[in-house]
């Protein structure tokens, strides 16, 4: 199973191709047959409604095979969901393998490491979210553009600094005046 979170990663294709290459190399090294490579492109690992993941879980449990991922962070960014996936595979007599973390859930130690790393993946997601919010708040406080489009009433200079657009600001003023009068 391979996954990337952003459209940029999907369009560049590097991360998906790299993950698939590592999984194929793992399979060859372990004399394992690949049933399918299931993909989720541009979907957060915190979501559990991923079609590629659903297909991978179905195939893995039907074949009592191993679900192999490049890294647990590609499987999920939620401790709860990661542990649920691990439990589902265990109950079906299937296994989970993570190439980066060298996880093997057929042992008690492997299961413990799996659960700790699942929590770490969620922690990493939370840290990324905190840093992104901090950076966006900093840009807003400094009057800088924070997204793709410049808001109505503003222009952006080459550095991304927002500058009032007098014509559009006048239109905004007229709208608020009309709203204040109940029009």
N, C-alpha and C. Protein backbone atom coordinates (compact mmCIF):
# COMPACT_ATOMS: atom_id res chain seq x y z
N UNK A 1 0.85 -1.17 0.00
CA UNK A 1 0.00 0.00 0.00
C UNK A 1 0.89 1.23 0.00
N UNK A 2 0.61 2.16 -0.90
CA UNK A 2 1.38 3.40 -0.97
C UNK A 2 0.41 4.58 -0.93
N UNK A 3 0.91 5.71 -0.36
CA UNK A 3 0.06 6.89 -0.20
C UNK A 3 0.91 8.13 -0.13
N UNK A 4 0.39 9.21 -0.69
CA UNK A 4 0.93 10.55 -0.47
C UNK A 4 -0.23 11.46 -0.10
N UNK A 5 0.08 12.53 0.63
CA UNK A 5 -0.96 13.40 1.18
C UNK A 5 -1.37 14.54 0.27
N UNK A 6 -0.44 15.05 -0.53
CA UNK A 6 -0.73 16.29 -1.26
C UNK A 6 -0.77 16.08 -2.76
N UNK A 7 -1.48 16.97 -3.43
CA UNK A 7 -1.53 16.95 -4.90
C UNK A 7 -0.14 17.20 -5.48
N UNK A 8 0.66 18.03 -4.81
CA UNK A 8 2.01 18.29 -5.30
C UNK A 8 2.82 17.00 -5.34
N UNK A 9 2.71 16.17 -4.28
CA UNK A 9 3.41 14.90 -4.26
C UNK A 9 2.88 13.97 -5.35
N UNK A 10 1.57 14.01 -5.60
CA UNK A 10 0.97 13.18 -6.64
C UNK A 10 1.52 13.59 -8.01
N UNK A 11 1.53 14.90 -8.28
CA UNK A 11 1.95 15.39 -9.59
C UNK A 11 3.43 15.17 -9.84
N UNK A 12 4.25 15.30 -8.80
CA UNK A 12 5.68 15.06 -8.97
C UNK A 12 5.96 13.58 -9.07
N UNK A 13 5.13 12.77 -8.39
CA UNK A 13 5.22 11.33 -8.51
C UNK A 13 6.41 10.68 -7.84
N UNK A 14 7.32 11.46 -7.31
CA UNK A 14 8.55 10.91 -6.76
C UNK A 14 8.26 10.01 -5.56
N UNK A 15 7.45 10.48 -4.64
CA UNK A 15 7.21 9.73 -3.42
C UNK A 15 6.48 8.42 -3.69
N UNK A 16 5.46 8.44 -4.53
CA UNK A 16 4.74 7.21 -4.86
C UNK A 16 5.66 6.21 -5.55
N UNK A 17 6.43 6.68 -6.52
CA UNK A 17 7.35 5.79 -7.23
C UNK A 17 8.40 5.22 -6.30
N UNK A 18 8.91 6.06 -5.40
CA UNK A 18 9.93 5.60 -4.44
C UNK A 18 9.36 4.54 -3.50
N UNK A 19 8.14 4.76 -3.01
CA UNK A 19 7.51 3.78 -2.12
C UNK A 19 7.30 2.45 -2.84
N UNK A 20 6.79 2.51 -4.06
CA UNK A 20 6.54 1.28 -4.82
C UNK A 20 7.84 0.54 -5.10
N UNK A 21 8.87 1.26 -5.43
CA UNK A 21 10.17 0.65 -5.71
C UNK A 21 10.70 -0.09 -4.48
N UNK A 22 10.58 0.53 -3.31
CA UNK A 22 11.05 -0.10 -2.06
C UNK A 22 10.24 -1.35 -1.74
N UNK A 23 8.94 -1.29 -1.96
CA UNK A 23 8.08 -2.46 -1.68
C UNK A 23 8.41 -3.60 -2.64
N UNK A 24 8.62 -3.28 -3.90
CA UNK A 24 8.98 -4.32 -4.86
C UNK A 24 10.34 -4.95 -4.51
N UNK A 25 11.28 -4.12 -4.08
CA UNK A 25 12.59 -4.64 -3.68
C UNK A 25 12.46 -5.52 -2.43
N UNK A 26 11.60 -5.12 -1.47
CA UNK A 26 11.37 -5.92 -0.27
C UNK A 26 10.79 -7.28 -0.65
N UNK A 27 9.81 -7.27 -1.56
CA UNK A 27 9.17 -8.52 -1.99
C UNK A 27 10.19 -9.44 -2.65
N UNK A 28 11.03 -8.89 -3.50
CA UNK A 28 12.05 -9.71 -4.17
C UNK A 28 13.03 -10.28 -3.16
N UNK A 29 13.45 -9.49 -2.20
CA UNK A 29 14.40 -9.92 -1.17
C UNK A 29 13.81 -11.02 -0.29
N UNK A 30 12.50 -10.95 -0.06
CA UNK A 30 11.83 -11.90 0.83
C UNK A 30 11.10 -13.01 0.07
N UNK A 31 11.40 -13.15 -1.22
CA UNK A 31 10.75 -14.17 -2.05
C UNK A 31 9.24 -14.14 -1.89
N UNK A 32 8.68 -12.95 -1.90
CA UNK A 32 7.24 -12.77 -1.73
C UNK A 32 6.61 -12.30 -3.04
N UNK A 33 5.38 -12.77 -3.25
CA UNK A 33 4.63 -12.37 -4.43
C UNK A 33 3.78 -11.15 -4.09
N UNK A 34 3.78 -10.17 -4.95
CA UNK A 34 2.93 -8.99 -4.75
C UNK A 34 1.57 -9.29 -5.36
N UNK A 35 0.52 -9.21 -4.55
CA UNK A 35 -0.84 -9.43 -5.02
C UNK A 35 -1.30 -8.19 -5.79
N UNK A 36 -1.03 -7.02 -5.25
CA UNK A 36 -1.42 -5.76 -5.89
C UNK A 36 -0.70 -4.62 -5.18
N UNK A 37 -0.53 -3.52 -5.87
CA UNK A 37 -0.05 -2.29 -5.25
C UNK A 37 -1.26 -1.36 -5.20
N UNK A 38 -1.76 -1.11 -4.01
CA UNK A 38 -2.93 -0.25 -3.83
C UNK A 38 -2.43 1.15 -3.47
N UNK A 39 -3.07 2.15 -4.06
CA UNK A 39 -2.60 3.53 -3.92
C UNK A 39 -3.71 4.46 -3.46
N UNK A 40 -3.31 5.44 -2.67
CA UNK A 40 -4.16 6.58 -2.36
C UNK A 40 -3.32 7.81 -2.65
N UNK A 41 -3.76 8.59 -3.60
CA UNK A 41 -2.99 9.73 -4.06
C UNK A 41 -3.63 11.03 -3.60
N UNK A 42 -2.90 11.82 -2.84
CA UNK A 42 -3.38 13.12 -2.39
C UNK A 42 -4.42 13.03 -1.29
N UNK A 43 -4.30 12.02 -0.42
CA UNK A 43 -5.28 11.83 0.66
C UNK A 43 -4.54 11.76 1.99
N UNK A 44 -5.04 12.47 2.97
CA UNK A 44 -4.44 12.49 4.30
C UNK A 44 -4.44 11.11 4.94
N UNK A 45 -3.38 10.81 5.66
CA UNK A 45 -3.29 9.55 6.40
C UNK A 45 -4.15 9.53 7.64
N UNK A 46 -4.77 10.67 7.97
CA UNK A 46 -5.66 10.71 9.13
C UNK A 46 -7.07 10.23 8.77
N UNK A 47 -7.36 10.13 7.48
CA UNK A 47 -8.70 9.73 7.04
C UNK A 47 -8.78 8.21 6.92
N UNK A 48 -9.95 7.67 7.26
CA UNK A 48 -10.11 6.22 7.17
C UNK A 48 -10.97 5.79 5.99
N UNK A 49 -11.39 6.73 5.16
CA UNK A 49 -12.26 6.40 4.02
C UNK A 49 -11.46 6.38 2.71
N UNK A 50 -10.29 5.78 2.74
CA UNK A 50 -9.43 5.74 1.57
C UNK A 50 -9.68 4.46 0.77
N UNK A 51 -10.03 4.62 -0.49
CA UNK A 51 -10.36 3.47 -1.34
C UNK A 51 -9.17 2.53 -1.51
N UNK A 52 -7.99 3.08 -1.71
CA UNK A 52 -6.80 2.23 -1.85
C UNK A 52 -6.54 1.41 -0.61
N UNK A 53 -6.69 2.02 0.57
CA UNK A 53 -6.49 1.30 1.83
C UNK A 53 -7.55 0.22 2.00
N UNK A 54 -8.80 0.54 1.68
CA UNK A 54 -9.87 -0.46 1.79
C UNK A 54 -9.55 -1.68 0.92
N UNK A 55 -9.11 -1.42 -0.31
CA UNK A 55 -8.79 -2.52 -1.21
C UNK A 55 -7.60 -3.32 -0.68
N UNK A 56 -6.58 -2.64 -0.18
CA UNK A 56 -5.40 -3.33 0.35
C UNK A 56 -5.77 -4.21 1.54
N UNK A 57 -6.62 -3.70 2.43
CA UNK A 57 -7.05 -4.49 3.59
C UNK A 57 -7.87 -5.70 3.16
N UNK A 58 -8.75 -5.51 2.19
CA UNK A 58 -9.59 -6.61 1.70
C UNK A 58 -8.71 -7.72 1.11
N UNK A 59 -7.78 -7.34 0.24
CA UNK A 59 -6.91 -8.33 -0.39
C UNK A 59 -6.03 -9.03 0.64
N UNK A 60 -5.49 -8.26 1.58
CA UNK A 60 -4.59 -8.82 2.59
C UNK A 60 -5.32 -9.83 3.46
N UNK A 61 -6.53 -9.49 3.90
CA UNK A 61 -7.27 -10.41 4.78
C UNK A 61 -7.78 -11.63 4.01
N UNK A 62 -8.20 -11.44 2.76
CA UNK A 62 -8.67 -12.57 1.95
C UNK A 62 -7.55 -13.58 1.69
N UNK A 63 -6.36 -13.08 1.43
CA UNK A 63 -5.22 -13.94 1.09
C UNK A 63 -4.40 -14.35 2.31
N UNK A 64 -4.80 -13.83 3.50
CA UNK A 64 -4.01 -14.05 4.72
C UNK A 64 -2.54 -13.74 4.42
N UNK A 65 -2.35 -12.59 3.83
CA UNK A 65 -1.04 -12.15 3.35
C UNK A 65 -0.46 -11.11 4.30
N UNK A 66 0.51 -10.37 3.83
CA UNK A 66 1.10 -9.28 4.59
C UNK A 66 0.79 -7.98 3.86
N UNK A 67 0.30 -7.02 4.60
CA UNK A 67 0.13 -5.67 4.08
C UNK A 67 1.46 -4.97 4.31
N UNK A 68 2.13 -4.60 3.23
CA UNK A 68 3.46 -4.00 3.32
C UNK A 68 3.37 -2.53 2.94
N UNK A 69 3.94 -1.71 3.79
CA UNK A 69 4.01 -0.27 3.54
C UNK A 69 5.47 0.17 3.66
N UNK A 70 5.78 1.26 3.01
CA UNK A 70 7.15 1.78 3.12
C UNK A 70 7.40 2.27 4.54
N UNK A 71 6.39 2.94 5.12
CA UNK A 71 6.50 3.49 6.47
C UNK A 71 5.11 3.52 7.09
N UNK A 72 5.05 3.38 8.41
CA UNK A 72 3.75 3.45 9.08
C UNK A 72 3.04 4.77 8.82
N UNK A 73 3.82 5.84 8.62
CA UNK A 73 3.19 7.13 8.34
C UNK A 73 2.43 7.12 7.02
N UNK A 74 2.76 6.21 6.12
CA UNK A 74 2.02 6.07 4.86
C UNK A 74 0.73 5.32 5.09
N UNK A 75 0.70 4.43 6.09
CA UNK A 75 -0.49 3.66 6.42
C UNK A 75 -1.53 4.55 7.09
N UNK A 76 -1.10 5.30 8.10
CA UNK A 76 -2.04 6.14 8.83
C UNK A 76 -1.29 7.16 9.67
N UNK A 77 -1.97 8.27 9.94
CA UNK A 77 -1.45 9.29 10.85
C UNK A 77 -2.29 9.35 12.11
N UNK A 78 -3.06 8.32 12.35
CA UNK A 78 -3.93 8.25 13.53
C UNK A 78 -3.57 6.98 14.31
N UNK A 79 -3.23 7.15 15.59
CA UNK A 79 -2.90 6.00 16.42
C UNK A 79 -4.07 5.02 16.46
N UNK A 80 -5.27 5.55 16.66
CA UNK A 80 -6.46 4.71 16.74
C UNK A 80 -6.63 3.89 15.47
N UNK A 81 -6.57 4.57 14.31
CA UNK A 81 -6.78 3.88 13.04
C UNK A 81 -5.66 2.86 12.78
N UNK A 82 -4.44 3.22 13.07
CA UNK A 82 -3.32 2.30 12.84
C UNK A 82 -3.49 1.04 13.68
N UNK A 83 -3.86 1.22 14.94
CA UNK A 83 -4.07 0.05 15.82
C UNK A 83 -5.27 -0.77 15.36
N UNK A 84 -6.33 -0.11 14.89
CA UNK A 84 -7.49 -0.84 14.36
C UNK A 84 -7.10 -1.68 13.15
N UNK A 85 -6.28 -1.10 12.28
CA UNK A 85 -5.81 -1.85 11.11
C UNK A 85 -4.99 -3.05 11.56
N UNK A 86 -4.09 -2.84 12.51
CA UNK A 86 -3.28 -3.94 13.04
C UNK A 86 -4.13 -5.04 13.64
N UNK A 87 -5.16 -4.66 14.41
CA UNK A 87 -6.06 -5.65 15.01
C UNK A 87 -6.84 -6.41 13.95
N UNK A 88 -7.33 -5.69 12.95
CA UNK A 88 -8.09 -6.34 11.87
C UNK A 88 -7.23 -7.37 11.14
N UNK A 89 -6.00 -7.00 10.84
CA UNK A 89 -5.11 -7.93 10.16
C UNK A 89 -4.80 -9.14 11.05
N UNK A 90 -4.55 -8.89 12.32
CA UNK A 90 -4.25 -9.97 13.26
C UNK A 90 -5.41 -10.95 13.36
N UNK A 91 -6.63 -10.45 13.48
CA UNK A 91 -7.81 -11.32 13.59
C UNK A 91 -8.03 -12.15 12.33
N UNK A 92 -7.62 -11.61 11.18
CA UNK A 92 -7.80 -12.32 9.91
C UNK A 92 -6.64 -13.28 9.62
N UNK A 93 -5.64 -13.30 10.51
CA UNK A 93 -4.48 -14.16 10.27
C UNK A 93 -3.52 -13.57 9.25
N UNK A 94 -3.62 -12.26 9.06
CA UNK A 94 -2.74 -11.56 8.12
C UNK A 94 -1.69 -10.79 8.92
N UNK A 95 -0.67 -10.33 8.23
CA UNK A 95 0.43 -9.62 8.89
C UNK A 95 0.57 -8.22 8.35
N UNK A 96 1.40 -7.46 9.03
CA UNK A 96 1.72 -6.10 8.61
C UNK A 96 3.22 -5.96 8.61
N UNK A 97 3.73 -5.38 7.54
CA UNK A 97 5.16 -5.12 7.47
C UNK A 97 5.40 -3.68 7.08
N UNK A 98 6.33 -3.06 7.78
CA UNK A 98 6.75 -1.70 7.43
C UNK A 98 8.25 -1.73 7.16
N UNK A 99 8.60 -1.34 5.96
CA UNK A 99 10.00 -1.44 5.54
C UNK A 99 10.89 -0.50 6.35
N UNK A 100 10.51 0.75 6.50
CA UNK A 100 11.35 1.73 7.20
C UNK A 100 11.59 1.36 8.65
N UNK A 101 10.53 0.96 9.32
CA UNK A 101 10.64 0.67 10.74
C UNK A 101 10.99 -0.79 11.03
N UNK A 102 11.07 -1.61 9.97
CA UNK A 102 11.37 -3.04 10.10
C UNK A 102 10.43 -3.71 11.10
N UNK A 103 9.13 -3.49 10.90
CA UNK A 103 8.12 -4.04 11.79
C UNK A 103 7.66 -5.39 11.29
N UNK A 104 7.52 -6.31 12.23
CA UNK A 104 6.98 -7.64 11.97
C UNK A 104 5.99 -7.91 13.09
N UNK A 105 4.70 -7.89 12.80
CA UNK A 105 3.68 -8.01 13.85
C UNK A 105 3.40 -9.45 14.25
N UNK A 106 4.25 -10.37 13.84
CA UNK A 106 4.04 -11.76 14.25
C UNK A 106 4.65 -12.02 15.63
N UNK A 107 5.37 -11.05 16.21
CA UNK A 107 5.96 -11.23 17.54
C UNK A 107 5.40 -10.18 18.51
N UNK A 108 5.47 -10.49 19.81
CA UNK A 108 5.01 -9.54 20.83
C UNK A 108 5.83 -8.25 20.76
N UNK A 109 7.13 -8.38 20.59
CA UNK A 109 7.97 -7.18 20.50
C UNK A 109 7.63 -6.37 19.25
N UNK A 110 7.36 -7.04 18.16
CA UNK A 110 6.98 -6.36 16.93
C UNK A 110 5.67 -5.61 17.08
N UNK A 111 4.72 -6.23 17.79
CA UNK A 111 3.44 -5.56 18.04
C UNK A 111 3.62 -4.33 18.91
N UNK A 112 4.48 -4.41 19.93
CA UNK A 112 4.73 -3.26 20.80
C UNK A 112 5.37 -2.12 20.02
N UNK A 113 6.37 -2.44 19.21
CA UNK A 113 7.03 -1.42 18.41
C UNK A 113 6.02 -0.79 17.44
N UNK A 114 5.18 -1.62 16.86
CA UNK A 114 4.13 -1.15 15.95
C UNK A 114 3.26 -0.09 16.63
N UNK A 115 2.81 -0.37 17.85
CA UNK A 115 1.92 0.56 18.56
C UNK A 115 2.62 1.85 18.94
N UNK A 116 3.87 1.76 19.34
CA UNK A 116 4.64 2.97 19.69
C UNK A 116 4.83 3.83 18.45
N UNK A 117 5.19 3.20 17.34
CA UNK A 117 5.40 3.96 16.11
C UNK A 117 4.11 4.54 15.55
N UNK A 118 2.99 3.86 15.79
CA UNK A 118 1.69 4.41 15.37
C UNK A 118 1.44 5.72 16.11
N UNK A 119 1.73 5.74 17.41
CA UNK A 119 1.57 6.96 18.19
C UNK A 119 2.52 8.05 17.70
N UNK A 120 3.72 7.67 17.32
CA UNK A 120 4.70 8.66 16.82
C UNK A 120 4.24 9.27 15.50
N UNK A 121 3.62 8.49 14.63
CA UNK A 121 3.12 9.01 13.36
C UNK A 121 2.04 10.06 13.60
N UNK A 122 1.15 9.80 14.57
CA UNK A 122 0.11 10.77 14.90
C UNK A 122 0.74 12.02 15.50
N UNK A 123 1.72 11.85 16.36
CA UNK A 123 2.44 12.97 16.98
C UNK A 123 3.08 13.85 15.90
N UNK A 124 3.69 13.22 14.91
CA UNK A 124 4.33 13.96 13.81
C UNK A 124 3.29 14.78 13.04
N UNK A 125 2.12 14.17 12.77
CA UNK A 125 1.05 14.89 12.08
C UNK A 125 0.61 16.11 12.88
N UNK A 126 0.46 15.93 14.20
CA UNK A 126 0.06 17.03 15.07
C UNK A 126 1.10 18.15 15.07
N UNK A 127 2.38 17.78 15.08
CA UNK A 127 3.44 18.79 15.05
C UNK A 127 3.43 19.57 13.73
N UNK A 128 3.22 18.88 12.63
CA UNK A 128 3.15 19.55 11.32
C UNK A 128 2.00 20.55 11.32
N UNK A 129 0.86 20.14 11.88
CA UNK A 129 -0.30 21.03 11.96
C UNK A 129 0.01 22.27 12.80
N UNK A 130 0.65 22.07 13.94
CA UNK A 130 1.01 23.20 14.80
C UNK A 130 1.95 24.17 14.08
N UNK A 131 2.96 23.64 13.41
CA UNK A 131 3.92 24.50 12.70
C UNK A 131 3.24 25.26 11.57
N UNK A 132 2.33 24.59 10.86
CA UNK A 132 1.62 25.25 9.76
C UNK A 132 0.76 26.39 10.29
N UNK A 133 0.02 26.15 11.36
CA UNK A 133 -0.81 27.20 11.96
C UNK A 133 0.03 28.37 12.42
N UNK A 134 1.16 28.08 13.05
CA UNK A 134 2.06 29.14 13.53
C UNK A 134 2.57 29.97 12.36
N UNK A 135 2.99 29.31 11.30
CA UNK A 135 3.51 30.03 10.13
C UNK A 135 2.42 30.88 9.48
N UNK A 136 1.21 30.34 9.34
CA UNK A 136 0.11 31.10 8.74
C UNK A 136 -0.27 32.31 9.60
N UNK A 137 -0.32 32.12 10.92
CA UNK A 137 -0.62 33.24 11.82
C UNK A 137 0.45 34.31 11.74
N UNK A 138 1.70 33.91 11.62
CA UNK A 138 2.80 34.87 11.48
C UNK A 138 2.65 35.68 10.19
N UNK A 139 2.33 34.98 9.09
CA UNK A 139 2.15 35.67 7.81
C UNK A 139 0.97 36.65 7.88
N UNK A 140 -0.14 36.21 8.50
CA UNK A 140 -1.30 37.09 8.64
C UNK A 140 -0.96 38.32 9.46
N UNK A 141 -0.25 38.12 10.57
CA UNK A 141 0.12 39.24 11.45
C UNK A 141 1.02 40.23 10.74
N UNK A 142 1.78 39.76 9.75
CA UNK A 142 2.68 40.64 9.00
C UNK A 142 2.06 41.13 7.69
N UNK A 143 0.76 40.90 7.53
CA UNK A 143 0.06 41.38 6.34
C UNK A 143 0.49 40.69 5.06
N UNK A 144 0.85 39.41 5.15
CA UNK A 144 1.30 38.67 3.97
C UNK A 144 0.20 37.72 3.50
N UNK A 145 0.26 37.41 2.23
CA UNK A 145 -0.66 36.46 1.62
C UNK A 145 -0.43 35.08 2.23
N UNK A 146 -1.52 34.33 2.50
CA UNK A 146 -1.39 33.02 3.12
C UNK A 146 -1.88 31.87 2.26
N UNK A 147 -2.44 32.16 1.12
CA UNK A 147 -2.95 31.08 0.27
C UNK A 147 -2.67 31.37 -1.18
N UNK A 148 -3.34 30.65 -2.05
CA UNK A 148 -3.13 30.79 -3.48
C UNK A 148 -3.70 32.08 -4.05
N UNK A 149 -4.89 32.48 -3.61
CA UNK A 149 -5.54 33.65 -4.17
C UNK A 149 -5.40 34.84 -3.23
N UNK A 150 -5.26 36.01 -3.83
CA UNK A 150 -5.22 37.25 -3.06
C UNK A 150 -6.66 37.64 -2.74
N UNK A 151 -6.96 37.96 -1.47
CA UNK A 151 -8.34 38.31 -1.13
C UNK A 151 -8.81 39.59 -1.84
N UNK A 152 -10.11 39.63 -2.10
CA UNK A 152 -10.70 40.81 -2.73
C UNK A 152 -10.39 42.02 -1.85
N UNK A 153 -9.99 43.11 -2.50
CA UNK A 153 -9.66 44.33 -1.78
C UNK A 153 -8.17 44.51 -1.60
N UNK A 154 -7.42 43.54 -2.05
CA UNK A 154 -5.97 43.56 -1.85
C UNK A 154 -5.23 43.14 -3.12
N UNK A 155 -3.99 43.57 -3.23
CA UNK A 155 -3.04 43.08 -4.22
C UNK A 155 -1.84 42.56 -3.44
N UNK A 156 -1.03 41.74 -4.06
CA UNK A 156 0.18 41.25 -3.40
C UNK A 156 1.39 41.68 -4.22
N UNK A 157 2.42 42.17 -3.51
CA UNK A 157 3.65 42.50 -4.22
C UNK A 157 4.45 41.22 -4.44
N UNK A 158 5.64 41.34 -5.02
CA UNK A 158 6.44 40.17 -5.36
C UNK A 158 6.84 39.34 -4.15
N UNK A 159 6.90 39.97 -2.98
CA UNK A 159 7.28 39.23 -1.76
C UNK A 159 6.08 38.59 -1.07
N UNK A 160 4.86 38.85 -1.57
CA UNK A 160 3.67 38.30 -0.95
C UNK A 160 3.01 39.24 0.05
N UNK A 161 3.59 40.42 0.23
CA UNK A 161 3.03 41.41 1.14
C UNK A 161 1.74 41.96 0.53
N UNK A 162 0.67 42.04 1.36
CA UNK A 162 -0.62 42.53 0.88
C UNK A 162 -0.65 44.05 0.89
N UNK A 163 -1.16 44.61 -0.20
CA UNK A 163 -1.29 46.06 -0.36
C UNK A 163 -2.73 46.34 -0.73
N UNK A 164 -3.33 47.34 -0.07
CA UNK A 164 -4.73 47.65 -0.36
C UNK A 164 -4.92 48.04 -1.82
N UNK A 165 -6.02 47.56 -2.41
CA UNK A 165 -6.44 47.95 -3.74
C UNK A 165 -7.55 48.97 -3.53
N UNK A 166 -7.27 50.23 -3.81
CA UNK A 166 -8.20 51.33 -3.49
C UNK A 166 -9.58 51.13 -4.11
N UNK A 167 -9.64 50.70 -5.35
CA UNK A 167 -10.92 50.51 -6.03
C UNK A 167 -11.74 49.43 -5.34
N UNK A 168 -11.12 48.29 -5.07
CA UNK A 168 -11.82 47.18 -4.42
C UNK A 168 -12.17 47.52 -2.96
N UNK A 169 -11.31 48.25 -2.27
CA UNK A 169 -11.60 48.67 -0.89
C UNK A 169 -12.83 49.59 -0.87
N UNK A 170 -12.95 50.44 -1.89
CA UNK A 170 -14.10 51.32 -1.99
C UNK A 170 -15.39 50.49 -2.17
N UNK A 171 -15.32 49.46 -3.00
CA UNK A 171 -16.48 48.58 -3.22
C UNK A 171 -16.87 47.89 -1.91
N UNK A 172 -15.88 47.42 -1.17
CA UNK A 172 -16.14 46.77 0.13
C UNK A 172 -16.84 47.75 1.07
N UNK A 173 -16.36 48.97 1.07
CA UNK A 173 -16.95 50.01 1.92
C UNK A 173 -18.42 50.25 1.54
N UNK A 174 -18.71 50.31 0.24
CA UNK A 174 -20.08 50.49 -0.22
C UNK A 174 -20.97 49.31 0.20
N UNK A 175 -20.44 48.11 0.13
CA UNK A 175 -21.19 46.91 0.53
C UNK A 175 -21.54 46.98 2.01
N UNK A 176 -20.56 47.32 2.85
CA UNK A 176 -20.82 47.40 4.29
C UNK A 176 -21.79 48.54 4.63
N UNK A 177 -21.67 49.66 3.91
CA UNK A 177 -22.60 50.76 4.15
C UNK A 177 -24.04 50.32 3.83
N UNK A 178 -24.21 49.63 2.68
CA UNK A 178 -25.54 49.16 2.27
C UNK A 178 -26.06 48.13 3.26
N UNK A 179 -25.22 47.25 3.72
CA UNK A 179 -25.61 46.24 4.69
C UNK A 179 -26.04 46.90 6.01
N UNK A 180 -25.29 47.92 6.41
CA UNK A 180 -25.61 48.64 7.65
C UNK A 180 -26.96 49.36 7.58
N UNK A 181 -27.34 49.77 6.39
CA UNK A 181 -28.62 50.44 6.19
C UNK A 181 -29.74 49.43 5.98
N UNK A 182 -29.41 48.13 5.92
CA UNK A 182 -30.43 47.10 5.73
C UNK A 182 -30.79 46.88 4.28
N UNK A 183 -29.96 47.34 3.37
CA UNK A 183 -30.25 47.17 1.93
C UNK A 183 -29.63 45.91 1.38
